[in-house]
């Protein structure tokens, strides 16, 4: 019986989605999982899935949804109790990583899991490379002026955590890219990635909702996967705009923060010195205000730990 669906969105990534699909089918028990590949644009698929892979479904979006929307589509199509959101350029060792993931999900239905990610060398997972062990989340803008100005340093941006060598399994503030495992029921309860636009904010959105609505986020240190970083695959193969990330930070604050902090968070994000991006994000925010208010009305009654609890629990520096 299938237990978990692996959702893989992609756009203009050549045959990397196929390589990831083949690797998954060679590294894990195919009786346990389905794969949903989502090409996030219309047009012919740039590869052919081997016909023997009966567990693979391909979806071609008629118009671009962005990674956030494509992941939402994939989860909606999943017919299994658990989901794994991953990237199109991953490599997995042949071992019991999937069985361990499923066992953790069965025992912890309100938990969002991530694993250790390493690099890829000669197209295989390279355990000798540096690794990522989940993330913390910036709760204030940092280094957004002068030569250090970056949209990677605005409020609600994830930042890699270093290794906690003493523990094999431990709580973290936020998952990191390439491996988010959770129950489909919990994903739907917290609203998944609803409201995010195109790209950016996936990790903080899922993680903060999980913590604030009564779940937990946990790193499984004994599960290690390989992630091909962008310079190993190709230059960025699609157009992204910085205001996407800024808008998504505004959205997360608007639906999760208490009343007295919503406007303050928007004012704090307005401090970044990129007026064109700020204006674009604010216009989009205003345009979608009715949907944002509706999401806030749904999510606020589910919050059992507020943002102050979250920051204090993980010792995050606040802007307020």
Protein backbone atom coordinates (compact mmCIF):
# COMPACT_ATOMS: atom_id res chain seq x y z
CA UNK A 1 0.00 0.00 0.00
CA UNK A 2 1.32 3.44 -0.94
CA UNK A 3 2.09 5.60 2.09
CA UNK A 4 3.64 8.81 0.79
CA UNK A 5 3.56 11.01 -2.30
CA UNK A 6 6.69 12.85 -3.41
CA UNK A 7 5.76 16.16 -5.03
CA UNK A 8 8.36 17.61 -7.42
CA UNK A 9 7.66 20.91 -9.23
CA UNK A 10 10.04 22.08 -11.95
CA UNK A 11 10.49 24.56 -14.77
CA UNK A 12 13.18 24.60 -17.49
CA UNK A 13 15.44 22.13 -15.65
CA UNK A 14 16.25 19.82 -18.55
CA UNK A 15 16.43 16.17 -17.58
CA UNK A 16 17.13 16.79 -13.88
CA UNK A 17 13.52 15.91 -12.87
CA UNK A 18 13.92 12.62 -14.72
CA UNK A 19 17.25 11.89 -13.03
CA UNK A 20 15.69 12.59 -9.64
CA UNK A 21 12.73 10.35 -10.48
CA UNK A 22 15.00 7.48 -11.56
CA UNK A 23 17.15 7.92 -8.46
CA UNK A 24 14.11 7.82 -6.18
CA UNK A 25 12.82 4.65 -7.80
CA UNK A 26 16.24 3.03 -7.48
CA UNK A 27 16.89 4.14 -3.90
CA UNK A 28 13.61 3.31 -2.16
CA UNK A 29 10.83 0.72 -2.09
CA UNK A 30 8.48 1.71 -4.95
CA UNK A 31 5.58 -0.05 -3.24
CA UNK A 32 5.56 2.70 -0.63
CA UNK A 33 5.43 5.90 -2.69
CA UNK A 34 4.03 7.78 -5.65
CA UNK A 35 5.72 10.66 -7.45
CA UNK A 36 3.90 13.65 -8.88
CA UNK A 37 6.02 15.66 -11.32
CA UNK A 38 4.64 19.12 -12.05
CA UNK A 39 5.94 21.07 -15.02
CA UNK A 40 5.08 24.64 -14.15
CA UNK A 41 4.36 25.85 -17.68
CA UNK A 42 2.54 24.60 -20.78
CA UNK A 43 4.49 22.77 -23.45
CA UNK A 44 6.06 19.45 -24.25
CA UNK A 45 7.79 17.57 -21.46
CA UNK A 46 11.60 17.67 -22.08
CA UNK A 47 12.01 13.99 -21.15
CA UNK A 48 10.14 10.70 -21.18
CA UNK A 49 9.38 8.87 -17.94
CA UNK A 50 10.28 5.16 -18.29
CA UNK A 51 7.05 3.19 -18.76
CA UNK A 52 7.99 0.74 -16.00
CA UNK A 53 7.62 3.53 -13.44
CA UNK A 54 3.93 3.06 -12.77
CA UNK A 55 4.15 5.18 -9.61
CA UNK A 56 4.86 8.41 -11.52
CA UNK A 57 2.22 10.94 -12.56
CA UNK A 58 3.07 13.98 -14.69
CA UNK A 59 1.10 17.23 -14.51
CA UNK A 60 1.66 20.09 -16.98
CA UNK A 61 0.31 23.41 -15.76
CA UNK A 62 -1.55 25.45 -18.34
CA UNK A 63 -0.10 28.61 -16.82
CA UNK A 64 2.71 29.24 -14.37
CA UNK A 65 1.77 28.86 -10.71
CA UNK A 66 5.22 29.28 -9.18
CA UNK A 67 6.77 26.73 -6.86
CA UNK A 68 4.28 27.54 -4.08
CA UNK A 69 1.22 27.02 -6.26
CA UNK A 70 2.69 23.94 -7.97
CA UNK A 71 3.32 22.32 -4.61
CA UNK A 72 -0.27 23.05 -3.56
CA UNK A 73 -1.48 21.39 -6.77
CA UNK A 74 0.67 18.34 -6.14
CA UNK A 75 -0.52 17.91 -2.56
CA UNK A 76 -4.16 18.22 -3.67
CA UNK A 77 -3.60 15.37 -6.14
CA UNK A 78 -1.84 13.11 -3.62
CA UNK A 79 -3.81 9.98 -2.69
CA UNK A 80 -1.60 8.97 0.24
CA UNK A 81 -1.74 10.00 3.91
CA UNK A 82 1.75 11.55 3.82
CA UNK A 83 3.58 13.92 1.50
CA UNK A 84 7.20 14.80 0.81
CA UNK A 85 7.93 18.09 -0.93
CA UNK A 86 11.29 18.08 -2.64
CA UNK A 87 13.22 19.68 -5.49
CA UNK A 88 13.84 18.48 -9.02
CA UNK A 89 17.60 18.02 -8.61
CA UNK A 90 18.04 15.64 -5.68
CA UNK A 91 20.02 12.46 -5.06
CA UNK A 92 19.22 9.81 -2.43
CA UNK A 93 21.26 6.89 -1.13
CA UNK A 94 19.80 3.41 -1.41
CA UNK A 95 18.91 2.69 2.22
CA UNK A 96 15.95 2.86 4.59
CA UNK A 97 15.51 6.66 4.50
CA UNK A 98 11.93 6.38 3.24
CA UNK A 99 10.87 3.77 5.80
CA UNK A 100 12.33 5.96 8.57
CA UNK A 101 10.46 8.99 7.25
CA UNK A 102 7.14 7.14 7.11
CA UNK A 103 7.62 5.68 10.61
CA UNK A 104 8.23 9.18 12.02
CA UNK A 105 5.17 10.54 10.24
CA UNK A 106 2.95 7.73 11.51
CA UNK A 107 4.10 8.32 15.08
CA UNK A 108 3.95 12.14 14.89
CA UNK A 109 1.00 13.31 12.78
CA UNK A 110 1.38 17.01 13.69
CA UNK A 111 5.09 17.20 12.95
CA UNK A 112 6.88 18.73 9.98
CA UNK A 113 10.15 16.94 9.34
CA UNK A 114 13.30 17.88 7.51
CA UNK A 115 16.62 16.10 7.12
CA UNK A 116 20.28 16.88 6.64
CA UNK A 117 21.18 17.99 3.12
CA UNK A 118 24.60 17.54 1.58
CA UNK A 119 26.01 18.29 -1.84
CA UNK A 120 26.21 16.15 -4.95
CA UNK A 121 29.46 15.11 -6.65
CA UNK A 122 29.61 13.08 -9.87
CA UNK A 123 25.84 12.86 -9.74
CA UNK A 124 25.69 11.05 -6.38
CA UNK A 125 25.12 12.19 -2.80
CA UNK A 126 28.46 13.33 -1.38
CA UNK A 127 28.59 12.86 2.40
CA UNK A 128 31.92 14.71 2.59
CA UNK A 129 30.45 18.05 1.57
CA UNK A 130 29.17 20.60 4.04
CA UNK A 131 25.64 20.13 5.22
CA UNK A 132 22.53 22.00 6.19
CA UNK A 133 20.72 21.12 9.42
CA UNK A 134 17.50 23.05 9.12
CA UNK A 135 17.07 26.80 9.61
CA UNK A 136 16.31 29.58 12.00
CA UNK A 137 14.22 32.57 10.88
CA UNK A 138 15.14 36.23 10.87
CA UNK A 139 12.60 38.26 12.84
CA UNK A 140 14.05 41.59 11.80
CA UNK A 141 15.72 43.04 8.71
CA UNK A 142 19.50 42.67 8.84
CA UNK A 143 22.20 43.87 6.44
CA UNK A 144 19.79 45.51 4.03
CA UNK A 145 21.82 48.65 3.37
CA UNK A 146 24.89 49.40 1.31
CA UNK A 147 27.04 46.67 -0.18
CA UNK A 148 25.44 43.98 2.00
CA UNK A 149 21.88 44.75 0.89
CA UNK A 150 20.06 41.50 0.11
CA UNK A 151 16.55 40.13 0.04
CA UNK A 152 18.01 37.09 1.82
CA UNK A 153 18.27 39.30 4.92
CA UNK A 154 14.74 40.64 5.30
CA UNK A 155 12.33 39.70 8.07
CA UNK A 156 11.02 36.10 7.82
CA UNK A 157 13.99 34.88 5.78
CA UNK A 158 15.34 31.41 6.67
CA UNK A 159 19.03 30.99 7.57
CA UNK A 160 20.92 27.71 7.80
CA UNK A 161 21.57 26.18 11.21
CA UNK A 162 24.87 24.56 12.17
CA UNK A 163 25.05 20.98 13.38
CA UNK A 164 23.91 19.97 16.85
CA UNK A 165 26.37 17.11 17.27
CA UNK A 166 24.91 15.91 20.56
CA UNK A 167 21.53 14.95 19.15
CA UNK A 168 20.25 12.73 16.36
CA UNK A 169 16.73 14.14 16.37
CA UNK A 170 15.93 17.63 17.56
CA UNK A 171 13.49 20.52 17.30
CA UNK A 172 14.35 23.34 14.92
CA UNK A 173 12.60 26.64 14.14
CA UNK A 174 12.30 25.99 10.42
CA UNK A 175 12.81 23.36 7.74
CA UNK A 176 15.26 24.02 4.94
CA UNK A 177 14.75 23.53 1.23
CA UNK A 178 14.71 20.16 -0.50
CA UNK A 179 12.88 17.92 1.99
CA UNK A 180 9.63 18.73 3.82
CA UNK A 181 7.76 15.65 5.07
CA UNK A 182 4.38 15.86 6.79
CA UNK A 183 0.92 14.35 6.83
CA UNK A 184 -1.46 15.59 4.16
CA UNK A 185 -4.08 16.11 6.84
CA UNK A 186 -1.78 18.44 8.81
CA UNK A 187 -0.74 20.28 5.65
CA UNK A 188 -4.39 20.98 4.90
CA UNK A 189 -5.21 21.90 8.51
CA UNK A 190 -2.55 24.62 8.60
CA UNK A 191 -3.47 25.85 5.12
CA UNK A 192 -0.31 24.61 3.45
CA UNK A 193 1.28 27.26 1.24
CA UNK A 194 -1.98 29.00 0.47
CA UNK A 195 -1.59 32.71 -0.15
CA UNK A 196 2.09 32.65 -1.08
CA UNK A 197 2.85 34.08 -4.50
CA UNK A 198 5.17 32.33 -6.94
CA UNK A 199 8.36 31.87 -4.91
CA UNK A 200 9.84 32.48 -1.48
CA UNK A 201 8.65 31.93 2.06
CA UNK A 202 7.74 28.23 1.81
CA UNK A 203 9.95 27.18 4.70
CA UNK A 204 8.96 29.89 7.21
CA UNK A 205 5.29 29.60 6.23
CA UNK A 206 5.00 25.85 6.83
CA UNK A 207 7.26 25.91 9.89
CA UNK A 208 5.72 28.88 11.71
CA UNK A 209 2.19 27.62 11.05
CA UNK A 210 3.16 24.19 12.37
CA UNK A 211 4.67 25.56 15.59
CA UNK A 212 2.01 28.20 16.20
CA UNK A 213 -0.91 25.85 15.54
CA UNK A 214 0.28 23.21 18.01
CA UNK A 215 2.72 21.02 16.09
CA UNK A 216 6.48 20.81 15.99
CA UNK A 217 9.30 20.95 13.44
CA UNK A 218 11.98 18.29 13.79
CA UNK A 219 15.30 17.55 12.11
CA UNK A 220 16.03 13.87 11.42
CA UNK A 221 19.80 13.84 11.46
CA UNK A 222 20.14 10.21 10.40
CA UNK A 223 18.42 10.93 7.09
CA UNK A 224 20.78 12.61 4.61
CA UNK A 225 19.91 13.59 1.05
CA UNK A 226 21.92 15.18 -1.73
CA UNK A 227 20.85 18.52 -3.18
CA UNK A 228 22.33 19.84 -6.40
CA UNK A 229 22.73 23.54 -5.86
CA UNK A 230 21.84 25.94 -8.62
CA UNK A 231 25.38 26.36 -9.97
CA UNK A 232 25.54 22.56 -10.38
CA UNK A 233 22.37 22.46 -12.47
CA UNK A 234 22.17 25.64 -14.52
CA UNK A 235 21.79 29.37 -14.01
CA UNK A 236 18.37 30.25 -12.69
CA UNK A 237 16.15 28.89 -15.50
CA UNK A 238 13.17 31.16 -14.93
CA UNK A 239 12.38 34.77 -14.08
CA UNK A 240 12.03 35.68 -10.42
CA UNK A 241 11.46 39.09 -8.86
CA UNK A 242 12.53 40.12 -5.38
CA UNK A 243 9.14 41.56 -4.58
CA UNK A 244 7.70 38.02 -4.56
CA UNK A 245 9.66 37.27 -1.41
CA UNK A 246 8.75 40.60 0.16
CA UNK A 247 5.06 40.09 -0.56
CA UNK A 248 5.15 36.59 0.92
CA UNK A 249 6.72 37.92 4.11
CA UNK A 250 3.92 40.50 4.30
CA UNK A 251 1.33 37.77 3.80
CA UNK A 252 2.76 35.52 6.53
CA UNK A 253 2.86 38.40 9.00
CA UNK A 254 -0.67 39.47 8.09
CA UNK A 255 -2.22 36.06 8.72
CA UNK A 256 -0.16 34.90 11.72
CA UNK A 257 0.85 37.96 13.75
CA UNK A 258 -1.40 39.55 16.40
CA UNK A 259 -3.27 42.73 15.49
CA UNK A 260 -0.79 45.10 17.11
CA UNK A 261 2.12 43.67 15.10
CA UNK A 262 0.61 43.39 11.62
CA UNK A 263 1.03 47.07 10.70
CA UNK A 264 4.36 47.21 12.53
CA UNK A 265 5.66 44.28 10.45
CA UNK A 266 4.61 46.02 7.24
CA UNK A 267 6.33 49.22 8.37
CA UNK A 268 9.47 47.26 9.22
CA UNK A 269 9.57 45.68 5.77
CA UNK A 270 9.10 49.10 4.17
CA UNK A 271 12.48 50.09 5.64
CA UNK A 272 14.41 48.05 3.08
CA UNK A 273 16.07 50.32 0.50
CA UNK A 274 14.48 48.86 -2.63
CA UNK A 275 11.57 51.18 -3.34
CA UNK A 276 10.46 49.56 -6.60
CA UNK A 277 10.20 46.13 -5.00
CA UNK A 278 8.51 47.51 -1.89
CA UNK A 279 5.93 49.33 -4.00
CA UNK A 280 5.25 46.23 -6.13
CA UNK A 281 4.78 44.07 -3.04
CA UNK A 282 2.49 46.61 -1.39
CA UNK A 283 0.35 46.90 -4.53
CA UNK A 284 -0.06 43.12 -4.67
CA UNK A 285 -0.82 43.05 -0.96
CA UNK A 286 -3.56 45.66 -1.36
CA UNK A 287 -4.99 43.86 -4.40
CA UNK A 288 -5.39 40.62 -2.44
CA UNK A 289 -6.49 42.12 0.86
CA UNK A 290 -9.87 40.34 0.88
CA UNK A 291 -8.28 36.90 0.46
CA UNK A 292 -5.67 37.74 3.10
CA UNK A 293 -8.36 38.78 5.59
CA UNK A 294 -10.24 35.55 4.91
CA UNK A 295 -7.12 33.46 5.56
CA UNK A 296 -6.42 35.40 8.74
CA UNK A 297 -9.95 34.71 9.99
CA UNK A 298 -9.37 30.99 9.42
CA UNK A 299 -5.87 30.74 10.88
CA UNK A 300 -6.07 32.98 13.94
CA UNK A 301 -8.47 30.70 15.92
CA UNK A 302 -6.06 27.80 15.34
CA UNK A 303 -3.07 29.57 16.88
CA UNK A 304 -2.18 28.16 20.30
CA UNK A 305 1.36 29.63 20.53
CA UNK A 306 1.83 33.20 19.38
CA UNK A 307 4.78 34.77 17.61
CA UNK A 308 6.27 36.00 20.88
CA UNK A 309 6.29 32.43 22.21
CA UNK A 310 7.96 31.26 19.00
CA UNK A 311 10.69 33.89 19.18
CA UNK A 312 11.36 33.30 22.87
CA UNK A 313 11.37 29.50 22.49
CA UNK A 314 14.09 29.69 19.83
CA UNK A 315 15.79 32.86 21.13
CA UNK A 316 15.15 34.83 17.94
CA UNK A 317 15.86 38.56 17.96
CA UNK A 318 12.65 40.52 17.32
CA UNK A 319 12.12 43.80 15.48
CA UNK A 320 9.48 44.85 18.04
